[in-house]
Amino acid sequence: MIKLNDKEVNFLEEENLKDFLLRNNYDPDFLACEVNSKLVKKVDFEDFVVEDESKIEVFSFVGGG
């Protein structure tokens, strides 16, 4: 299991962060992501393999005025 924004979700072996985000209905092009309290750069999403029991926090950017 993985904690995604404090919600438990299923873990798939050898899944990269980009695919994990897409599978959980997030658009990786418009967010920032921390895994176990460490920021993962967007350019590394495809190379970063998600591990069981990770804690992932997703942050969306919101414009306003």
N, C-alpha and C. Protein backbone atom coordinates (compact mmCIF):
# COMPACT_ATOMS: atom_id res chain seq x y z
N MET A 1 0.83 -1.19 0.00
CA MET A 1 0.00 0.00 0.00
C MET A 1 0.87 1.26 0.00
N ILE A 2 0.33 2.27 -0.61
CA ILE A 2 0.99 3.58 -0.65
C ILE A 2 0.03 4.60 -0.09
N LYS A 3 0.56 5.56 0.66
CA LYS A 3 -0.27 6.67 1.13
C LYS A 3 -0.15 7.80 0.12
N LEU A 4 -1.27 8.17 -0.47
CA LEU A 4 -1.34 9.26 -1.43
C LEU A 4 -2.20 10.35 -0.84
N ASN A 5 -1.57 11.45 -0.43
CA ASN A 5 -2.30 12.53 0.25
C ASN A 5 -3.16 11.98 1.39
N ASP A 6 -2.56 11.13 2.22
CA ASP A 6 -3.18 10.52 3.40
C ASP A 6 -4.29 9.52 3.08
N LYS A 7 -4.40 9.08 1.84
CA LYS A 7 -5.37 8.05 1.45
C LYS A 7 -4.58 6.83 0.98
N GLU A 8 -4.96 5.63 1.44
CA GLU A 8 -4.24 4.43 1.03
C GLU A 8 -4.70 3.99 -0.36
N VAL A 9 -3.71 3.73 -1.23
CA VAL A 9 -3.99 3.26 -2.59
C VAL A 9 -3.12 2.04 -2.88
N ASN A 10 -3.52 1.28 -3.88
CA ASN A 10 -2.81 0.06 -4.23
C ASN A 10 -1.42 0.34 -4.80
N PHE A 11 -0.52 -0.56 -4.53
CA PHE A 11 0.85 -0.51 -4.99
C PHE A 11 1.03 -1.49 -6.14
N LEU A 12 1.67 -1.06 -7.22
CA LEU A 12 2.02 -1.95 -8.33
C LEU A 12 3.54 -1.97 -8.45
N GLU A 13 4.12 -3.14 -8.48
CA GLU A 13 5.58 -3.25 -8.57
C GLU A 13 6.10 -2.66 -9.86
N GLU A 14 7.26 -2.05 -9.77
CA GLU A 14 7.98 -1.47 -10.91
C GLU A 14 7.24 -0.34 -11.62
N GLU A 15 6.27 0.27 -10.94
CA GLU A 15 5.53 1.38 -11.53
C GLU A 15 6.29 2.68 -11.28
N ASN A 16 6.46 3.48 -12.33
CA ASN A 16 7.15 4.76 -12.12
C ASN A 16 6.15 5.80 -11.61
N LEU A 17 6.68 6.90 -11.13
CA LEU A 17 5.86 7.92 -10.51
C LEU A 17 4.86 8.53 -11.50
N LYS A 18 5.27 8.74 -12.73
CA LYS A 18 4.37 9.31 -13.72
C LYS A 18 3.16 8.39 -13.95
N ASP A 19 3.40 7.11 -14.14
CA ASP A 19 2.31 6.16 -14.35
C ASP A 19 1.42 6.04 -13.11
N PHE A 20 2.03 6.08 -11.95
CA PHE A 20 1.26 6.04 -10.70
C PHE A 20 0.32 7.23 -10.62
N LEU A 21 0.82 8.41 -10.93
CA LEU A 21 -0.01 9.61 -10.88
C LEU A 21 -1.15 9.53 -11.89
N LEU A 22 -0.84 9.11 -13.10
CA LEU A 22 -1.88 8.98 -14.14
C LEU A 22 -2.95 7.97 -13.71
N ARG A 23 -2.52 6.85 -13.15
CA ARG A 23 -3.45 5.81 -12.72
C ARG A 23 -4.38 6.32 -11.62
N ASN A 24 -3.92 7.32 -10.86
CA ASN A 24 -4.71 7.88 -9.77
C ASN A 24 -5.34 9.22 -10.15
N ASN A 25 -5.50 9.44 -11.46
CA ASN A 25 -6.23 10.59 -12.00
C ASN A 25 -5.58 11.95 -11.74
N TYR A 26 -4.25 11.97 -11.75
CA TYR A 26 -3.51 13.24 -11.65
C TYR A 26 -2.80 13.48 -12.98
N ASP A 27 -2.73 14.73 -13.38
CA ASP A 27 -1.99 15.09 -14.58
C ASP A 27 -0.59 15.51 -14.15
N PRO A 28 0.43 14.70 -14.42
CA PRO A 28 1.78 14.98 -13.95
C PRO A 28 2.37 16.29 -14.49
N ASP A 29 1.80 16.84 -15.54
CA ASP A 29 2.33 18.08 -16.11
C ASP A 29 1.97 19.31 -15.29
N PHE A 30 1.00 19.19 -14.39
CA PHE A 30 0.50 20.36 -13.67
C PHE A 30 0.53 20.19 -12.16
N LEU A 31 1.59 19.58 -11.65
CA LEU A 31 1.68 19.40 -10.21
C LEU A 31 3.12 19.23 -9.76
N ALA A 32 3.28 19.32 -8.45
CA ALA A 32 4.57 19.01 -7.81
C ALA A 32 4.32 17.79 -6.92
N CYS A 33 5.38 17.05 -6.66
CA CYS A 33 5.20 15.80 -5.93
C CYS A 33 6.36 15.56 -4.96
N GLU A 34 6.00 15.17 -3.74
CA GLU A 34 6.97 14.75 -2.74
C GLU A 34 6.78 13.27 -2.47
N VAL A 35 7.87 12.54 -2.37
CA VAL A 35 7.82 11.13 -1.98
C VAL A 35 8.67 11.00 -0.73
N ASN A 36 8.04 10.54 0.33
CA ASN A 36 8.71 10.41 1.63
C ASN A 36 9.41 11.71 2.03
N SER A 37 8.68 12.81 1.88
CA SER A 37 9.11 14.16 2.27
C SER A 37 10.24 14.74 1.43
N LYS A 38 10.52 14.13 0.27
CA LYS A 38 11.56 14.66 -0.62
C LYS A 38 10.94 15.01 -1.96
N LEU A 39 11.20 16.23 -2.42
CA LEU A 39 10.66 16.69 -3.68
C LEU A 39 11.27 15.90 -4.84
N VAL A 40 10.43 15.43 -5.74
CA VAL A 40 10.89 14.73 -6.94
C VAL A 40 10.69 15.68 -8.11
N LYS A 41 11.75 15.95 -8.86
CA LYS A 41 11.66 16.85 -10.00
C LYS A 41 10.81 16.21 -11.10
N LYS A 42 10.04 17.05 -11.77
CA LYS A 42 9.15 16.58 -12.83
C LYS A 42 9.90 15.80 -13.90
N VAL A 43 11.13 16.21 -14.21
CA VAL A 43 11.91 15.52 -15.24
C VAL A 43 12.29 14.10 -14.80
N ASP A 44 12.18 13.81 -13.50
CA ASP A 44 12.53 12.49 -12.98
C ASP A 44 11.32 11.58 -12.77
N PHE A 45 10.10 12.04 -13.05
CA PHE A 45 8.90 11.25 -12.78
C PHE A 45 8.93 9.90 -13.48
N GLU A 46 9.43 9.84 -14.72
CA GLU A 46 9.43 8.58 -15.46
C GLU A 46 10.51 7.61 -14.96
N ASP A 47 11.56 8.13 -14.36
CA ASP A 47 12.66 7.28 -13.88
C ASP A 47 12.51 6.90 -12.40
N PHE A 48 11.64 7.60 -11.69
CA PHE A 48 11.47 7.37 -10.26
C PHE A 48 10.49 6.22 -10.05
N VAL A 49 10.96 5.10 -9.51
CA VAL A 49 10.11 3.92 -9.28
C VAL A 49 9.51 4.03 -7.88
N VAL A 50 8.19 3.90 -7.84
CA VAL A 50 7.45 3.98 -6.58
C VAL A 50 7.67 2.69 -5.80
N GLU A 51 7.89 2.82 -4.50
CA GLU A 51 8.12 1.66 -3.65
C GLU A 51 6.96 1.47 -2.68
N ASP A 52 6.73 0.22 -2.30
CA ASP A 52 5.68 -0.10 -1.34
C ASP A 52 5.89 0.68 -0.05
N GLU A 53 4.81 1.11 0.56
CA GLU A 53 4.79 1.84 1.82
C GLU A 53 5.33 3.26 1.71
N SER A 54 5.43 3.78 0.49
CA SER A 54 5.85 5.17 0.32
C SER A 54 4.71 6.10 0.71
N LYS A 55 5.09 7.32 1.06
CA LYS A 55 4.11 8.37 1.34
C LYS A 55 4.29 9.44 0.27
N ILE A 56 3.25 9.62 -0.54
CA ILE A 56 3.32 10.55 -1.66
C ILE A 56 2.35 11.70 -1.43
N GLU A 57 2.87 12.91 -1.56
CA GLU A 57 2.06 14.12 -1.44
C GLU A 57 2.05 14.82 -2.79
N VAL A 58 0.86 15.14 -3.27
CA VAL A 58 0.70 15.81 -4.56
C VAL A 58 0.21 17.22 -4.30
N PHE A 59 0.85 18.19 -4.96
CA PHE A 59 0.49 19.59 -4.83
C PHE A 59 0.13 20.15 -6.19
N SER A 60 -1.09 20.68 -6.31
CA SER A 60 -1.52 21.29 -7.56
C SER A 60 -1.31 22.79 -7.49
N PHE A 61 -1.06 23.38 -8.63
CA PHE A 61 -0.88 24.82 -8.72
C PHE A 61 -2.21 25.46 -9.10
N VAL A 62 -2.58 26.51 -8.37
CA VAL A 62 -3.83 27.19 -8.63
C VAL A 62 -3.54 28.66 -8.89
N GLY A 63 -4.04 29.15 -10.01
CA GLY A 63 -3.86 30.57 -10.32
C GLY A 63 -4.98 31.38 -9.70
N GLY A 64 -4.73 32.63 -9.55
CA GLY A 64 -5.75 33.49 -8.96
C GLY A 64 -5.30 34.94 -8.97
N GLY A 65 -6.13 35.75 -8.44
CA GLY A 65 -5.75 37.16 -8.48
C GLY A 65 -6.33 37.96 -7.38
